[in-house]
Amino acid sequence: MRYIIIGAGAVGGTIGGRLAGAGHEVVLVARGTHRAALEDGGLRLLVPEGELTYRLPVVDGPAGLGELRPDDVLILAVKTQDTQGALDAWGPAPVEGGGTAGERLPLLCAQNGVEGQRLALRAFRRVYGVCVWLPATFVEPGVVSAAGTPLTGMLHLGRFPHGTDETLRRIAADLEKSRFEAPVVADVTRWQYAKLLTNLGNALQALCGLDESGADRAALRDRVWAEAAAVLDVAGIAYASVEEQRAVRGDKITLVPLDGAPRGGGSSWQSLARGTGTIEADYLNGEIALLGRLHDVPTPLNDLLQRLANTFARERRAAGSMPLAELVRLADEVEGAGKVDHGK
């Protein structure tokens, strides 16, 4: 199989690099200065064993490949807010022997949240969800880092909305030869919603910085998580427990310092740090807000984080520039107002 990595940033670049390092055929899809750097110097992957360089084909869309091959696997690794544009480009792409990518090829959504695969199912017949546990950072154009060892990451795979198949097991086998653990599960959304709960703190990190210590920060994070868990429970959405996740991950992924790769934050922090102008909060905290409105459960804390993260991204404010005390004050205000509005 040939792997086409649509969005060769931190996650996509790491998956593509590790697959290439294990001998698999890989094409990277990127744009702008990142594409130019990949074409000029190859993909530079900073990992615990050192700096690895992979000179791989790079395109900015399906036209650069001509007809796609029947054995192509598309891995969608763009941020969720960029999903629709990618689907519009790749879904109609012609495949050798007739038909389109949307009709014939498997699409794996290696993204945070759950919305990307919902969108994908409108355009692709064979959509697979990926629960991404992969600490990776976009360092600069052409360079990504992944500090995990002995495994680079863990990628739970499953058909969306549920089930498994032989194609997925073949893909999992390739990933497991490439420094990933790739469990094939019939209930991938249960793992994705568990990861979603974890990702609700992405906006908090993006707003208030990388220092995760301190009782006030932990308390606010717990309040945000509890609000979201209550929504999922009312909605009847299952998610893996913290204990189950810890048992599965164990000590398989330990982060180590990397030369040339300063410590960075999660995906939302990286969006603000790079000044991209967009952020994925609508599909993380915003997913909880949506479910809350559908099931009449108040979500003032997640509403607040969604709104603030979008404001910071739109106005290109610096990552980590909001004092934690100010965010706690705002959280107390909106939560108190919500209780009054709902007669509590």
Protein backbone atom coordinates (compact mmCIF):
# COMPACT_ATOMS: atom_id res chain seq x y z
CA MET A 1 0.00 0.00 0.00
CA ARG A 2 1.06 3.59 -0.63
CA TYR A 3 0.31 6.05 2.17
CA ILE A 4 -0.70 9.58 1.23
CA ILE A 5 -0.39 11.87 4.26
CA ILE A 6 -2.82 14.76 3.79
CA GLY A 7 -1.42 17.37 6.17
CA ALA A 8 2.23 16.57 6.86
CA GLY A 9 2.48 18.67 10.02
CA ALA A 10 3.32 17.42 13.50
CA VAL A 11 1.09 14.32 13.54
CA GLY A 12 1.04 13.66 9.81
CA GLY A 13 4.75 14.26 9.38
CA THR A 14 5.59 11.92 12.23
CA ILE A 15 3.33 9.14 10.94
CA GLY A 16 4.66 9.60 7.41
CA GLY A 17 8.28 9.66 8.51
CA ARG A 18 7.96 6.58 10.69
CA LEU A 19 6.17 4.66 7.91
CA ALA A 20 8.88 5.66 5.43
CA GLY A 21 11.58 4.64 7.90
CA ALA A 22 10.04 1.16 8.05
CA GLY A 23 10.23 0.86 4.26
CA HIS A 24 6.69 1.84 3.27
CA GLU A 25 5.89 4.04 0.28
CA VAL A 26 4.81 7.49 1.46
CA VAL A 27 3.66 10.72 -0.22
CA LEU A 28 3.43 13.94 1.80
CA VAL A 29 0.81 16.61 1.14
CA ALA A 30 1.74 20.11 2.29
CA ARG A 31 1.53 23.74 1.22
CA GLY A 32 3.42 27.00 1.43
CA THR A 33 6.79 27.26 3.12
CA HIS A 34 6.42 23.80 4.66
CA ARG A 35 6.01 22.22 1.24
CA ALA A 36 8.99 24.17 -0.10
CA ALA A 37 11.17 23.04 2.81
CA LEU A 38 10.09 19.41 2.39
CA GLU A 39 10.93 19.53 -1.31
CA ASP A 40 14.27 21.24 -0.71
CA GLY A 41 15.67 19.38 2.29
CA GLY A 42 13.33 16.47 2.89
CA LEU A 43 11.32 15.74 6.01
CA ARG A 44 13.52 16.17 9.08
CA LEU A 45 12.13 14.10 11.94
CA LEU A 46 13.62 14.76 15.37
CA VAL A 47 13.19 11.67 17.55
CA PRO A 48 14.96 10.12 20.56
CA GLU A 49 17.41 8.20 18.34
CA GLY A 50 18.48 11.40 16.59
CA GLU A 51 17.59 13.44 13.51
CA LEU A 52 16.26 11.42 10.60
CA THR A 53 15.80 12.82 7.10
CA TYR A 54 13.38 11.37 4.57
CA ARG A 55 13.29 12.60 0.99
CA LEU A 56 9.77 11.79 -0.05
CA PRO A 57 7.45 12.88 -2.86
CA VAL A 58 5.63 16.08 -1.89
CA VAL A 59 2.47 17.44 -3.53
CA ASP A 60 -0.05 20.13 -2.64
CA GLY A 61 -3.06 18.20 -3.89
CA PRO A 62 -4.20 15.18 -5.90
CA ALA A 63 -3.37 16.78 -9.24
CA GLY A 64 0.31 16.34 -8.42
CA LEU A 65 -0.12 12.56 -8.48
CA GLY A 66 -2.30 12.10 -11.52
CA GLU A 67 -4.66 9.14 -11.14
CA LEU A 68 -4.50 7.66 -7.66
CA ARG A 69 -3.66 3.98 -7.22
CA PRO A 70 -6.19 1.37 -6.04
CA ASP A 71 -3.79 0.47 -3.21
CA ASP A 72 -3.53 4.04 -1.90
CA VAL A 73 -4.42 4.76 1.71
CA LEU A 74 -5.32 8.36 2.55
CA ILE A 75 -4.41 9.57 6.04
CA LEU A 76 -6.14 12.84 6.84
CA ALA A 77 -4.06 14.70 9.42
CA VAL A 78 -5.12 18.32 8.92
CA LYS A 79 -6.73 20.25 11.76
CA THR A 80 -10.48 19.69 11.87
CA GLN A 81 -11.20 23.26 10.76
CA ASP A 82 -9.35 22.46 7.50
CA THR A 83 -11.10 19.14 6.90
CA GLN A 84 -13.78 20.23 4.46
CA GLY A 85 -11.29 21.80 2.06
CA ALA A 86 -9.22 18.61 2.04
CA LEU A 87 -12.29 16.45 1.45
CA ASP A 88 -13.41 18.67 -1.41
CA ALA A 89 -10.00 18.25 -3.05
CA TRP A 90 -9.41 14.55 -2.52
CA GLY A 91 -12.89 12.99 -2.62
CA PRO A 92 -13.40 13.50 -6.40
CA ALA A 93 -9.81 12.53 -7.31
CA PRO A 94 -9.81 9.84 -10.03
CA VAL A 95 -8.47 6.35 -9.31
CA GLU A 96 -6.85 4.01 -11.83
CA GLY A 97 -9.47 1.65 -13.26
CA GLY A 98 -12.35 4.05 -12.71
CA GLY A 99 -14.18 5.70 -9.87
CA THR A 100 -13.03 8.27 -7.37
CA ALA A 101 -11.11 8.29 -4.12
CA GLY A 102 -14.34 8.85 -2.24
CA GLU A 103 -15.85 5.76 -3.84
CA ARG A 104 -12.87 3.40 -3.67
CA LEU A 105 -10.12 4.37 -1.25
CA PRO A 106 -9.86 4.09 2.55
CA LEU A 107 -9.59 7.37 4.46
CA LEU A 108 -8.17 7.42 8.00
CA CYS A 109 -8.97 10.52 10.08
CA ALA A 110 -5.94 11.03 12.33
CA GLN A 111 -7.40 14.08 14.05
CA ASN A 112 -8.51 15.34 17.43
CA GLY A 113 -12.21 15.28 18.20
CA VAL A 114 -14.89 13.40 16.28
CA GLU A 115 -16.25 15.86 13.72
CA GLY A 116 -13.68 15.23 10.97
CA GLN A 117 -14.83 11.67 10.38
CA ARG A 118 -18.49 12.74 10.36
CA LEU A 119 -17.66 15.19 7.59
CA ALA A 120 -15.60 12.56 5.79
CA LEU A 121 -18.45 10.05 5.74
CA ARG A 122 -20.43 12.43 3.52
CA ALA A 123 -17.70 12.20 0.85
CA PHE A 124 -16.01 8.80 1.41
CA ARG A 125 -17.61 5.37 1.64
CA ARG A 126 -14.77 3.86 3.69
CA VAL A 127 -13.92 6.06 6.66
CA TYR A 128 -11.80 4.98 9.61
CA GLY A 129 -11.38 6.75 12.92
CA VAL A 130 -8.02 7.09 14.63
CA CYS A 131 -7.60 7.91 18.29
CA VAL A 132 -4.27 9.73 18.22
CA TRP A 133 -1.97 9.46 21.24
CA LEU A 134 1.11 10.97 19.61
CA PRO A 135 3.16 13.70 21.31
CA ALA A 136 4.56 15.62 18.33
CA THR A 137 5.48 19.21 17.52
CA PHE A 138 5.83 21.25 14.34
CA VAL A 139 9.26 22.80 14.93
CA GLU A 140 9.67 24.82 11.72
CA PRO A 141 8.96 24.32 8.01
CA GLY A 142 10.32 20.92 7.06
CA VAL A 143 10.98 19.84 10.65
CA VAL A 144 8.76 17.97 13.14
CA SER A 145 9.65 16.32 16.41
CA ALA A 146 8.26 13.34 18.32
CA ALA A 147 9.75 12.72 21.74
CA GLY A 148 8.09 9.40 22.62
CA THR A 149 10.08 6.23 23.34
CA PRO A 150 10.20 3.24 23.04
CA LEU A 151 7.01 3.75 21.02
CA THR A 152 6.45 6.97 19.11
CA GLY A 153 2.70 6.86 19.70
CA MET A 154 -0.46 4.81 20.06
CA LEU A 155 -3.12 4.87 17.37
CA HIS A 156 -6.40 3.07 18.07
CA LEU A 157 -8.02 2.25 14.72
CA GLY A 158 -11.58 1.36 13.82
CA ARG A 159 -14.15 1.77 11.09
CA PHE A 160 -16.39 4.77 11.56
CA PRO A 161 -18.92 4.67 13.06
CA HIS A 162 -18.09 1.13 14.25
CA GLY A 163 -16.54 -2.16 13.20
CA THR A 164 -13.26 -3.45 11.76
CA ASP A 165 -12.09 -5.05 8.53
CA GLU A 166 -9.10 -6.68 6.85
CA THR A 167 -7.86 -3.42 5.29
CA LEU A 168 -7.60 -1.91 8.73
CA ARG A 169 -5.68 -4.89 10.06
CA ARG A 170 -3.16 -4.56 7.20
CA ILE A 171 -2.73 -0.86 7.95
CA ALA A 172 -2.30 -1.61 11.66
CA ALA A 173 0.41 -4.16 10.85
CA ASP A 174 2.32 -1.54 8.85
CA LEU A 175 2.01 0.98 11.67
CA GLU A 176 3.19 -1.53 14.24
CA LYS A 177 6.36 -2.07 12.17
CA SER A 178 6.86 1.72 12.31
CA ARG A 179 7.20 2.32 16.10
CA PHE A 180 3.48 2.65 16.81
CA GLU A 181 1.07 0.49 18.72
CA ALA A 182 -2.09 0.29 16.62
CA PRO A 183 -4.92 -1.63 18.32
CA VAL A 184 -7.79 -2.43 15.97
CA VAL A 185 -11.05 -1.93 17.85
CA ALA A 186 -14.71 -2.09 16.92
CA ASP A 187 -15.58 0.85 19.19
CA VAL A 188 -13.03 3.47 18.15
CA THR A 189 -15.34 6.36 19.10
CA ARG A 190 -15.23 5.22 22.73
CA TRP A 191 -11.49 5.92 22.69
CA GLN A 192 -11.91 9.15 20.75
CA TYR A 193 -14.39 10.59 23.23
CA ALA A 194 -11.99 9.71 26.05
CA LYS A 195 -9.26 11.58 24.18
CA LEU A 196 -11.69 14.45 23.60
CA LEU A 197 -12.07 14.86 27.36
CA THR A 198 -8.28 15.14 27.64
CA ASN A 199 -8.14 17.61 24.75
CA LEU A 200 -10.54 19.99 26.49
CA GLY A 201 -7.48 21.28 28.34
CA ASN A 202 -5.84 22.29 25.04
CA ALA A 203 -7.57 25.67 25.12
CA LEU A 204 -6.55 26.20 28.74
CA GLN A 205 -2.93 25.52 27.82
CA ALA A 206 -3.11 27.76 24.74
CA LEU A 207 -4.55 30.63 26.78
CA CYS A 208 -2.49 30.36 29.97
CA GLY A 209 0.76 28.69 28.94
CA LEU A 210 2.69 25.47 29.34
CA ASP A 211 3.10 25.39 33.12
CA GLU A 212 0.65 22.65 34.09
CA SER A 213 1.48 22.80 37.81
CA GLY A 214 -0.51 24.58 40.49
CA ALA A 215 -3.68 23.77 42.38
CA ASP A 216 -5.75 26.52 40.74
CA ARG A 217 -4.99 25.27 37.26
CA ALA A 218 -5.68 21.65 38.19
CA ALA A 219 -8.96 22.65 39.82
CA LEU A 220 -10.14 24.56 36.75
CA ARG A 221 -9.13 21.70 34.46
CA ASP A 222 -11.10 19.28 36.63
CA ARG A 223 -14.19 21.53 36.50
CA VAL A 224 -14.03 21.68 32.71
CA TRP A 225 -13.64 17.90 32.51
CA ALA A 226 -16.48 17.21 34.95
CA GLU A 227 -18.83 19.51 33.01
CA ALA A 228 -18.02 17.63 29.80
CA ALA A 229 -18.31 14.18 31.36
CA ALA A 230 -21.78 15.09 32.63
CA VAL A 231 -22.81 16.00 29.08
CA LEU A 232 -21.49 12.74 27.62
CA ASP A 233 -23.29 10.78 30.33
CA VAL A 234 -26.63 12.48 29.62
CA ALA A 235 -26.10 12.00 25.88
CA GLY A 236 -25.43 8.28 26.44
CA ILE A 237 -21.99 8.47 24.82
CA ALA A 238 -19.52 5.87 26.07
CA TYR A 239 -15.86 6.71 26.68
CA ALA A 240 -12.90 4.77 28.00
CA SER A 241 -12.13 5.47 31.64
CA VAL A 242 -8.91 7.12 32.80
CA GLU A 243 -7.93 3.83 34.44
CA GLU A 244 -8.47 1.86 31.23
CA GLN A 245 -6.43 4.34 29.23
CA ARG A 246 -3.56 4.20 31.70
CA ALA A 247 -3.60 0.42 31.70
CA VAL A 248 -3.42 0.29 27.91
CA ARG A 249 -0.68 2.92 27.56
CA GLY A 250 1.39 1.84 30.55
CA ASP A 251 4.96 3.05 30.13
CA LYS A 252 5.03 2.42 26.38
CA ILE A 253 5.45 6.12 25.53
CA THR A 254 7.92 8.08 27.65
CA LEU A 255 8.88 11.60 26.61
CA VAL A 256 12.57 12.51 26.52
CA PRO A 257 14.32 15.84 25.80
CA LEU A 258 15.33 16.27 22.15
CA ASP A 259 18.23 18.35 20.85
CA GLY A 260 17.00 21.14 18.61
CA ALA A 261 13.38 20.68 19.62
CA PRO A 262 12.39 22.99 22.49
CA ARG A 263 9.46 21.92 24.60
CA GLY A 264 6.20 22.86 22.95
CA GLY A 265 2.56 22.61 23.81
CA GLY A 266 -0.33 20.71 22.32
CA SER A 267 -2.01 21.32 18.99
CA SER A 268 -4.00 24.38 20.11
CA TRP A 269 -0.97 26.00 21.73
CA GLN A 270 0.98 25.39 18.51
CA SER A 271 -1.74 27.10 16.46
CA LEU A 272 -1.47 30.26 18.58
CA ALA A 273 2.33 30.11 18.73
CA ARG A 274 2.50 29.91 14.93
CA GLY A 275 -0.12 32.64 14.46
CA THR A 276 -2.19 30.56 12.05
CA GLY A 277 -5.34 32.59 12.73
CA THR A 278 -7.43 29.47 13.43
CA ILE A 279 -7.73 26.98 16.26
CA GLU A 280 -9.61 23.70 16.78
CA ALA A 281 -11.59 24.77 19.85
CA ASP A 282 -14.90 24.58 17.93
CA TYR A 283 -14.37 20.82 17.63
CA LEU A 284 -13.08 20.17 21.16
CA ASN A 285 -14.75 22.44 23.74
CA GLY A 286 -17.26 23.26 21.00
CA GLU A 287 -18.21 19.60 20.66
CA ILE A 288 -19.20 19.60 24.33
CA ALA A 289 -21.10 22.86 23.86
CA LEU A 290 -22.98 21.35 20.92
CA LEU A 291 -23.90 18.22 22.85
CA GLY A 292 -24.96 20.35 25.80
CA ARG A 293 -27.38 22.30 23.64
CA LEU A 294 -28.73 19.14 22.05
CA HIS A 295 -29.39 17.55 25.44
CA ASP A 296 -30.24 20.68 27.47
CA VAL A 297 -27.17 20.49 29.72
CA PRO A 298 -25.41 23.78 30.55
CA THR A 299 -21.76 23.99 29.50
CA PRO A 300 -20.62 27.48 30.55
CA LEU A 301 -16.96 26.55 31.10
CA ASN A 302 -16.50 24.89 27.73
CA ASP A 303 -18.44 27.73 26.06
CA LEU A 304 -16.01 30.18 27.65
CA LEU A 305 -12.89 28.30 26.56
CA GLN A 306 -14.23 27.93 23.03
CA ARG A 307 -14.97 31.65 22.78
CA LEU A 308 -11.67 32.81 24.27
CA ALA A 309 -9.57 30.41 22.18
CA ASN A 310 -11.26 31.59 19.00
CA THR A 311 -10.74 35.22 19.98
CA PHE A 312 -7.05 34.65 20.67
CA ALA A 313 -6.61 32.87 17.34
CA ARG A 314 -8.55 35.43 15.33
CA GLU A 315 -6.68 38.37 16.91
CA ARG A 316 -3.38 36.45 16.80
CA ARG A 317 -2.71 36.97 20.47
CA ALA A 318 0.35 35.31 21.93
CA ALA A 319 0.03 31.76 23.25
CA GLY A 320 -0.06 31.69 27.04
CA SER A 321 -0.66 35.42 27.42
CA MET A 322 -3.80 35.25 29.62
CA PRO A 323 -3.13 35.23 33.38
CA LEU A 324 -4.59 32.13 34.98
CA ALA A 325 -6.22 34.24 37.71
CA GLU A 326 -8.16 36.16 35.06
CA LEU A 327 -9.39 32.95 33.43
CA VAL A 328 -10.45 31.53 36.81
CA ARG A 329 -12.35 34.74 37.55
CA LEU A 330 -14.19 34.54 34.22
CA ALA A 331 -14.93 30.86 34.78
CA ASP A 332 -16.43 31.58 38.18
CA GLU A 333 -18.59 34.32 36.67
CA VAL A 334 -20.01 32.27 33.80
CA GLU A 335 -20.55 29.21 35.94
CA GLY A 336 -22.39 31.28 38.56
CA ALA A 337 -24.53 32.96 35.91
CA GLY A 338 -25.33 29.56 34.41
CA LYS A 339 -26.57 28.23 37.72
CA VAL A 340 -28.85 31.24 38.11
CA ASP A 341 -30.21 30.86 34.57
CA HIS A 342 -31.07 27.20 35.20
CA GLY A 343 -32.60 27.84 38.59
CA LYS A 344 -29.94 25.96 40.56
